[in-house]
Amino acid sequence: MRAHVVTSIEELSEQEDRWEALRQQCGGTVYSSNFMIRSWFEACSASASPRVILVEDDGDLVGIAPLCSYRYKVKGLPIRVITLAGDMSGKIRLTTNSVLYDYRRADVLERILREIKRLNWSVLWTINMERSAAVDHYLERVRSTWNVVDCDVNKGLEIPLAPTGDLCDTYDSNARRNFRKIVNRLEREGVEARLERVEAEGIDRAVDEYARQHIERWESRGGSYFRDPDNVAFMKLSTKGGYDRQNGFVYQMRINGEVAAQVFGYIEGKRAYAKRLGMDDRFARYSPGWLICNRFLTLLRDQGAEGCDMGWGRERYKYEMGGRETQLVGIGATRGLASFAARIALGSDNRGLGSLPGTMNGSAGSDQCSAQSMSH
């Protein structure tokens, strides 16, 4: 068994076929996919560097730890951080990115941990992983190896998609009533609401529109992280990557010809992902968030999806649509001469995590529509 650390985007690209075979075998989400990780590193290259651990056994790829490295300062002391790729404050997060290996291969996990030990870091921060046997074993071994900072369990929400019939019939009674009021209002006022799928050549324009609406919506509520061009670049790269692999989608809801709501996501087999959902507040009267959700989820259902991961966050509308909670877990660790300063940054519990770039706490400009705008 051998392992090496990939530090270049070019080498990551060369590993795509083997990487994807292992990800599918391990049940990794699209946010652990090779193209997604590469897109994030390419867009955020000025802020973070790849430290991706690959473990091979007789030439077969059997383990991946998709990590990145960056630095920040605490009281003037530089702190080197190792996190899962896609976990930095102010950057779009790859929530559910995770270590990938067969949970029955304890030897592979030990080799991953041995390589993590060799990396240059004072803080190890691996959070927001979907709970699984492999992740639980990883958490146990980190806990027994370093000084750890335990993280609260976070919640993701996945909406189950009924195989037949009107999805609206599966919502709770309040949501069904409100949705029908919306449809009746559109008909009564003669308003045209039309769903369209964005073609590949329109991705850049669609992302720019999403960023513009996001900035407008969040400017008075802490600011939007789409002020950062890295996030706009990542969204364009990852969406195009999904289209290239025939698993990406962008839908827009037009009301009287204008873009009122958008959703960006992916579909892989029976599972879909839609963590980028936005709307233009000018059309709140017609609740375009509800309109686009009902229609694009129906289309995904008809393509074979049995559930749609709507991301982490506890917005009311997700529960009203029948959302079921999934557990997102993680762990932090510190070591070395900088350990004391790092633990000051991390805090004794999650109340102190906000000072570490890349935490389980939310940042300004959530990726989702607010519950208020969805149920207006």
Protein backbone atom coordinates (compact mmCIF):
# COMPACT_ATOMS: atom_id res chain seq x y z
CA MET A 1 0.00 0.00 0.00
CA ARG A 2 1.29 3.43 -0.91
CA ALA A 3 0.07 7.00 -0.52
CA HIS A 4 0.97 10.37 -1.93
CA VAL A 5 -0.26 13.93 -1.58
CA VAL A 6 -1.54 15.75 -4.66
CA THR A 7 -0.72 19.46 -4.64
CA SER A 8 -1.68 20.47 -8.19
CA ILE A 9 -5.00 20.81 -9.99
CA GLU A 10 -3.49 19.19 -13.09
CA GLU A 11 -2.72 15.96 -11.24
CA LEU A 12 -6.23 15.89 -9.78
CA SER A 13 -7.62 15.97 -13.30
CA GLU A 14 -5.56 12.91 -14.22
CA GLN A 15 -7.18 10.97 -11.37
CA GLU A 16 -10.80 11.58 -12.35
CA ASP A 17 -11.76 8.13 -13.64
CA ARG A 18 -10.29 6.27 -10.65
CA TRP A 19 -11.57 8.88 -8.22
CA GLU A 20 -15.13 8.65 -9.50
CA ALA A 21 -15.11 4.85 -9.40
CA LEU A 22 -14.13 4.95 -5.71
CA ARG A 23 -16.62 7.72 -4.91
CA GLN A 24 -19.49 5.72 -6.38
CA GLN A 25 -18.37 2.61 -4.52
CA CYS A 26 -18.27 4.57 -1.21
CA GLY A 27 -21.54 6.43 -1.77
CA GLY A 28 -19.86 9.86 -1.82
CA THR A 29 -22.01 12.83 -2.75
CA VAL A 30 -21.52 15.01 -5.82
CA TYR A 31 -19.68 17.48 -3.57
CA SER A 32 -16.87 14.94 -3.21
CA SER A 33 -16.61 14.48 -6.97
CA ASN A 34 -13.35 15.11 -8.75
CA PHE A 35 -14.69 17.86 -11.00
CA MET A 36 -16.31 19.66 -8.05
CA ILE A 37 -13.12 19.59 -5.99
CA ARG A 38 -11.07 20.79 -8.97
CA SER A 39 -13.51 23.60 -9.71
CA TRP A 40 -13.24 24.84 -6.13
CA PHE A 41 -9.44 24.74 -6.14
CA GLU A 42 -9.28 26.52 -9.48
CA ALA A 43 -11.63 29.31 -8.36
CA CYS A 44 -10.03 29.69 -4.91
CA SER A 45 -6.39 29.17 -5.90
CA ALA A 46 -5.32 32.48 -4.33
CA SER A 47 -6.69 31.40 -0.93
CA ALA A 48 -6.11 27.65 -0.57
CA SER A 49 -3.82 24.92 -1.92
CA PRO A 50 -4.61 21.24 -2.60
CA ARG A 51 -3.38 18.68 -0.09
CA VAL A 52 -5.32 15.72 -1.44
CA ILE A 53 -4.25 12.35 -0.05
CA LEU A 54 -4.56 9.36 -2.40
CA VAL A 55 -4.04 5.82 -1.12
CA GLU A 56 -3.37 2.94 -3.51
CA ASP A 57 -3.30 -0.83 -2.96
CA ASP A 58 -1.82 -2.97 -5.76
CA GLY A 59 -2.38 -0.08 -8.14
CA ASP A 60 -6.03 0.43 -7.22
CA LEU A 61 -7.19 3.69 -5.67
CA VAL A 62 -8.70 2.73 -2.29
CA GLY A 63 -8.71 5.96 -0.28
CA ILE A 64 -9.11 9.72 -0.80
CA ALA A 65 -8.88 12.55 1.70
CA PRO A 66 -9.78 15.68 -0.34
CA LEU A 67 -8.03 18.25 1.84
CA CYS A 68 -6.75 21.78 1.40
CA SER A 69 -4.28 24.01 3.21
CA TYR A 70 -4.38 27.70 4.09
CA ARG A 71 -3.09 30.12 6.72
CA TYR A 72 -4.50 32.79 9.01
CA LYS A 73 -3.30 34.61 12.12
CA VAL A 74 -4.33 34.59 15.76
CA LYS A 75 -2.83 37.44 17.82
CA GLY A 76 -0.12 37.78 15.20
CA LEU A 77 0.78 34.08 15.24
CA PRO A 78 0.43 32.33 11.86
CA ILE A 79 -1.79 29.25 12.05
CA ARG A 80 -1.66 26.60 9.33
CA VAL A 81 -5.05 24.94 8.77
CA ILE A 82 -5.92 21.71 7.00
CA THR A 83 -9.60 21.36 6.08
CA LEU A 84 -11.75 19.47 3.65
CA ALA A 85 -11.66 21.21 0.28
CA GLY A 86 -14.53 23.67 0.05
CA ASP A 87 -14.55 24.76 3.68
CA MET A 88 -13.40 28.35 4.06
CA SER A 89 -15.21 31.32 5.53
CA GLY A 90 -16.61 33.56 2.82
CA LYS A 91 -16.32 30.88 0.12
CA ILE A 92 -19.05 28.63 -1.25
CA ARG A 93 -18.90 25.46 0.80
CA LEU A 94 -18.84 21.91 -0.51
CA THR A 95 -21.09 20.66 2.27
CA THR A 96 -20.97 16.83 2.51
CA ASN A 97 -17.49 16.63 0.95
CA SER A 98 -15.85 13.81 2.89
CA VAL A 99 -13.06 11.26 3.22
CA LEU A 100 -13.67 8.34 0.85
CA TYR A 101 -12.73 4.74 1.60
CA ASP A 102 -14.38 1.39 2.24
CA TYR A 103 -15.37 1.45 5.93
CA ARG A 104 -14.21 -2.18 6.25
CA ARG A 105 -10.66 -1.18 5.32
CA ALA A 106 -9.18 -0.01 8.62
CA ASP A 107 -5.73 -0.23 7.04
CA VAL A 108 -6.71 2.40 4.46
CA LEU A 109 -7.98 4.74 7.16
CA GLU A 110 -4.74 4.30 9.11
CA ARG A 111 -2.74 5.20 6.00
CA ILE A 112 -4.86 8.33 5.45
CA LEU A 113 -4.26 9.38 9.07
CA ARG A 114 -0.53 8.71 8.74
CA GLU A 115 -0.39 11.06 5.76
CA ILE A 116 -2.44 13.71 7.60
CA LYS A 117 0.13 13.55 10.43
CA ARG A 118 2.89 14.33 7.93
CA LEU A 119 1.18 17.45 6.61
CA ASN A 120 2.11 20.87 7.99
CA TRP A 121 -0.76 22.02 10.20
CA SER A 122 -1.71 23.34 13.61
CA VAL A 123 -5.47 22.96 13.08
CA LEU A 124 -7.24 20.07 11.37
CA TRP A 125 -10.85 20.96 10.58
CA THR A 126 -13.09 18.35 8.89
CA ILE A 127 -16.78 19.13 9.25
CA ASN A 128 -20.20 18.87 7.55
CA MET A 129 -19.67 15.26 6.43
CA GLU A 130 -22.71 13.05 5.92
CA ARG A 131 -22.84 10.47 8.68
CA SER A 132 -21.73 7.00 7.55
CA ALA A 133 -19.80 4.07 8.96
CA ALA A 134 -16.61 5.29 7.26
CA VAL A 135 -17.01 8.81 8.66
CA ASP A 136 -17.77 7.49 12.16
CA HIS A 137 -14.58 5.40 12.11
CA TYR A 138 -12.63 8.45 10.95
CA LEU A 139 -14.05 10.59 13.78
CA GLU A 140 -13.13 7.92 16.35
CA ARG A 141 -9.54 7.69 15.13
CA VAL A 142 -9.04 11.47 15.03
CA ARG A 143 -10.43 11.66 18.58
CA SER A 144 -7.93 9.08 19.79
CA THR A 145 -4.97 10.66 17.97
CA TRP A 146 -4.97 14.42 18.62
CA ASN A 147 -6.31 17.12 20.93
CA VAL A 148 -9.81 17.43 19.55
CA VAL A 149 -12.56 20.00 19.38
CA ASP A 150 -15.89 18.22 19.01
CA CYS A 151 -18.50 19.79 16.74
CA ASP A 152 -22.24 19.80 17.16
CA VAL A 153 -24.19 17.66 14.73
CA ASN A 154 -25.51 19.85 11.95
CA LYS A 155 -28.63 19.11 9.90
CA GLY A 156 -29.12 18.66 6.20
CA LEU A 157 -32.55 18.32 4.65
CA GLU A 158 -33.59 16.01 1.85
CA ILE A 159 -37.02 16.13 0.24
CA PRO A 160 -38.43 12.72 -0.76
CA LEU A 161 -40.07 12.69 -4.19
CA ALA A 162 -43.27 10.67 -4.56
CA PRO A 163 -42.98 8.36 -7.60
CA THR A 164 -46.30 9.46 -9.08
CA GLY A 165 -48.92 12.17 -8.78
CA ASP A 166 -48.76 15.86 -7.96
CA LEU A 167 -45.90 16.62 -5.57
CA CYS A 168 -48.03 19.34 -4.04
CA ASP A 169 -50.18 16.58 -2.52
CA THR A 170 -47.19 15.48 -0.40
CA TYR A 171 -46.68 18.91 1.22
CA ASP A 172 -48.14 19.68 4.61
CA SER A 173 -51.63 21.21 4.74
CA ASN A 174 -50.42 24.78 5.19
CA ALA A 175 -48.04 24.51 2.22
CA ARG A 176 -50.72 22.94 0.00
CA ARG A 177 -53.14 25.73 0.84
CA ASN A 178 -50.57 28.48 0.18
CA PHE A 179 -49.38 26.89 -3.06
CA ARG A 180 -52.91 26.73 -4.42
CA LYS A 181 -53.46 30.36 -3.48
CA ILE A 182 -50.36 31.25 -5.51
CA VAL A 183 -51.63 29.35 -8.56
CA ASN A 184 -55.06 30.95 -8.25
CA ARG A 185 -53.50 34.43 -7.98
CA LEU A 186 -51.46 33.87 -11.15
CA GLU A 187 -54.58 32.78 -13.04
CA ARG A 188 -56.74 35.57 -11.64
CA GLU A 189 -54.23 38.28 -12.55
CA GLY A 190 -53.35 36.79 -15.93
CA VAL A 191 -49.67 36.40 -14.99
CA GLU A 192 -47.53 34.05 -17.09
CA ALA A 193 -45.18 31.80 -15.06
CA ARG A 194 -42.92 29.68 -17.23
CA LEU A 195 -40.12 27.26 -16.30
CA GLU A 196 -37.14 27.01 -18.62
CA ARG A 197 -33.97 24.94 -18.61
CA VAL A 198 -30.84 27.00 -19.22
CA GLU A 199 -28.67 25.64 -22.01
CA ALA A 200 -24.88 25.36 -21.61
CA GLU A 201 -24.17 28.58 -23.49
CA GLY A 202 -26.37 30.49 -21.06
CA ILE A 203 -24.66 29.37 -17.83
CA ASP A 204 -22.44 32.43 -17.39
CA ARG A 205 -25.37 34.78 -17.84
CA ALA A 206 -27.55 32.75 -15.44
CA VAL A 207 -24.85 32.74 -12.75
CA ASP A 208 -24.32 36.49 -13.12
CA GLU A 209 -28.06 37.01 -12.65
CA TYR A 210 -28.08 34.73 -9.59
CA ALA A 211 -25.16 36.66 -8.06
CA ARG A 212 -26.86 40.00 -8.76
CA GLN A 213 -30.09 38.88 -7.08
CA HIS A 214 -28.18 37.35 -4.17
CA ILE A 215 -26.28 40.60 -3.55
CA GLU A 216 -29.50 42.64 -3.65
CA ARG A 217 -31.31 40.24 -1.32
CA TRP A 218 -28.54 40.03 1.28
CA GLU A 219 -26.96 43.50 1.14
CA SER A 220 -28.95 44.76 4.13
CA ARG A 221 -28.64 41.47 6.03
CA GLY A 222 -24.92 41.05 6.51
CA GLY A 223 -23.81 41.10 2.89
CA SER A 224 -23.52 38.53 0.14
CA TYR A 225 -20.50 36.33 -0.44
CA PHE A 226 -21.11 36.77 -4.15
CA ARG A 227 -19.25 40.06 -3.76
CA ASP A 228 -16.24 37.74 -3.88
CA PRO A 229 -15.47 36.96 -7.55
CA ASP A 230 -14.04 33.57 -6.51
CA ASN A 231 -17.56 32.40 -5.62
CA VAL A 232 -18.97 33.56 -8.95
CA ALA A 233 -16.10 31.81 -10.75
CA PHE A 234 -16.65 28.59 -8.80
CA MET A 235 -20.35 28.53 -9.54
CA LYS A 236 -19.69 28.93 -13.26
CA LEU A 237 -16.96 26.27 -13.33
CA SER A 238 -18.88 23.69 -11.30
CA THR A 239 -22.11 24.21 -13.23
CA LYS A 240 -20.32 23.83 -16.56
CA GLY A 241 -18.58 20.74 -15.20
CA GLY A 242 -21.96 19.23 -14.36
CA TYR A 243 -23.27 19.96 -17.84
CA ASP A 244 -20.15 18.40 -19.40
CA ARG A 245 -20.86 15.23 -17.41
CA GLN A 246 -24.60 15.24 -18.18
CA ASN A 247 -25.59 15.57 -14.53
CA GLY A 248 -25.93 19.33 -14.05
CA PHE A 249 -29.03 21.48 -14.40
CA VAL A 250 -30.10 25.11 -14.19
CA TYR A 251 -33.77 26.05 -14.23
CA GLN A 252 -35.27 29.52 -14.27
CA MET A 253 -38.81 30.58 -13.49
CA ARG A 254 -39.83 33.50 -15.65
CA ILE A 255 -42.77 35.63 -14.60
CA ASN A 256 -44.09 37.75 -17.47
CA GLY A 257 -40.79 37.16 -19.24
CA GLU A 258 -38.43 38.19 -16.41
CA VAL A 259 -36.23 35.86 -14.37
CA ALA A 260 -37.97 35.61 -10.99
CA ALA A 261 -36.28 32.52 -9.51
CA GLN A 262 -33.42 30.14 -10.30
CA VAL A 263 -32.13 26.79 -9.11
CA PHE A 264 -28.72 25.25 -9.82
CA GLY A 265 -28.01 21.60 -9.08
CA TYR A 266 -27.06 18.08 -10.07
CA ILE A 267 -28.69 14.69 -10.42
CA GLU A 268 -26.88 11.37 -9.99
CA GLY A 269 -29.04 8.29 -10.27
CA LYS A 270 -31.77 8.35 -7.63
CA ARG A 271 -30.43 11.39 -5.78
CA ALA A 272 -30.55 15.04 -6.80
CA TYR A 273 -28.88 18.07 -5.24
CA ALA A 274 -30.25 21.62 -5.28
CA LYS A 275 -28.38 23.82 -2.82
CA ARG A 276 -28.43 27.01 -4.91
CA LEU A 277 -31.97 28.36 -4.94
CA GLY A 278 -32.59 32.08 -5.36
CA MET A 279 -35.32 34.52 -6.22
CA ASP A 280 -35.87 38.14 -7.13
CA ASP A 281 -37.71 39.88 -4.29
CA ARG A 282 -39.59 42.05 -6.78
CA PHE A 283 -41.75 39.00 -7.52
CA ALA A 284 -42.32 37.94 -3.91
CA ARG A 285 -46.07 38.48 -4.35
CA TYR A 286 -46.12 35.38 -6.60
CA SER A 287 -43.77 33.24 -4.46
CA PRO A 288 -41.53 32.18 -7.36
CA GLY A 289 -39.48 30.05 -4.98
CA TRP A 290 -42.46 27.77 -4.41
CA LEU A 291 -43.31 27.73 -8.10
CA ILE A 292 -39.83 26.74 -9.22
CA CYS A 293 -39.44 24.12 -6.47
CA ASN A 294 -42.67 22.34 -7.34
CA ARG A 295 -41.88 22.26 -11.05
CA PHE A 296 -38.18 21.40 -11.06
CA LEU A 297 -38.63 18.71 -8.40
CA THR A 298 -41.33 17.16 -10.56
CA LEU A 299 -38.94 17.10 -13.51
CA LEU A 300 -36.20 15.50 -11.40
CA ARG A 301 -38.68 12.89 -10.17
CA ASP A 302 -39.57 12.10 -13.77
CA GLN A 303 -35.85 11.61 -14.50
CA GLY A 304 -35.62 8.96 -11.78
CA ALA A 305 -34.69 10.94 -8.67
CA GLU A 306 -36.23 9.64 -5.45
CA GLY A 307 -35.00 12.48 -3.26
CA CYS A 308 -33.42 15.92 -3.50
CA ASP A 309 -30.75 17.17 -1.10
CA MET A 310 -31.66 20.79 -0.38
CA GLY A 311 -28.56 21.57 1.67
CA TRP A 312 -28.04 22.38 5.31
CA GLY A 313 -30.17 24.91 7.07
CA ARG A 314 -33.57 24.67 8.69
CA GLU A 315 -35.72 26.90 6.52
CA ARG A 316 -39.38 26.28 7.17
CA TYR A 317 -40.33 25.66 3.56
CA LYS A 318 -38.08 22.58 3.40
CA TYR A 319 -40.02 20.97 6.22
CA GLU A 320 -43.34 22.03 4.69
CA MET A 321 -42.33 20.17 1.53
CA GLY A 322 -41.72 17.02 3.57
CA GLY A 323 -38.00 17.48 4.13
CA ARG A 324 -36.26 14.85 6.24
CA GLU A 325 -33.21 15.64 8.33
CA THR A 326 -29.82 14.08 7.66
CA GLN A 327 -26.89 14.29 10.06
CA LEU A 328 -23.80 16.31 9.16
CA VAL A 329 -20.91 15.58 11.50
CA GLY A 330 -17.34 16.70 11.95
CA ILE A 331 -14.36 17.11 14.21
CA GLY A 332 -11.50 19.53 14.78
CA ALA A 333 -8.02 18.89 16.17
CA THR A 334 -5.00 20.96 17.21
CA ARG A 335 -1.33 20.20 17.72
CA GLY A 336 2.13 21.73 17.98
CA LEU A 337 3.44 24.98 19.48
CA ALA A 338 0.55 26.88 17.95
CA SER A 339 -2.01 24.56 19.54
CA PHE A 340 -2.80 26.95 22.39
CA ALA A 341 -3.45 29.89 20.05
CA ALA A 342 -5.43 27.66 17.72
CA ARG A 343 -7.66 26.51 20.57
CA ILE A 344 -8.25 30.14 21.51
CA ALA A 345 -9.49 30.66 17.94
CA LEU A 346 -11.61 27.54 18.03
CA GLY A 347 -12.97 28.22 21.51
CA SER A 348 -13.95 25.67 24.11
CA ASP A 349 -17.19 24.94 22.27
CA ASN A 350 -18.96 25.88 19.06
CA ARG A 351 -19.72 29.39 20.32
CA GLY A 352 -16.10 30.26 19.58
CA LEU A 353 -15.84 28.75 16.11
CA GLY A 354 -16.73 31.89 14.21
CA SER A 355 -13.16 33.19 14.28
CA LEU A 356 -11.81 30.19 12.37
CA PRO A 357 -12.08 30.55 8.59
CA GLY A 358 -14.36 27.71 7.58
CA THR A 359 -16.72 26.68 10.36
CA MET A 360 -20.00 24.92 10.83
CA ASN A 361 -21.65 28.27 11.47
CA GLY A 362 -23.45 29.99 8.60
CA SER A 363 -22.00 32.99 6.81
CA ALA A 364 -23.71 36.06 5.50
CA GLY A 365 -25.74 35.30 2.43
CA SER A 366 -27.28 31.86 2.80
CA ASP A 367 -27.48 29.81 -0.39
CA GLN A 368 -31.22 29.38 0.02
CA CYS A 369 -34.29 31.55 -0.24
CA SER A 370 -35.53 32.64 3.14
CA ALA A 371 -38.60 30.94 4.55
CA GLN A 372 -40.39 34.26 4.39
CA SER A 373 -39.75 34.72 0.69
CA MET A 374 -40.80 31.14 -0.07
CA SER A 375 -44.14 31.41 1.71
CA HIS A 376 -44.94 35.03 0.97
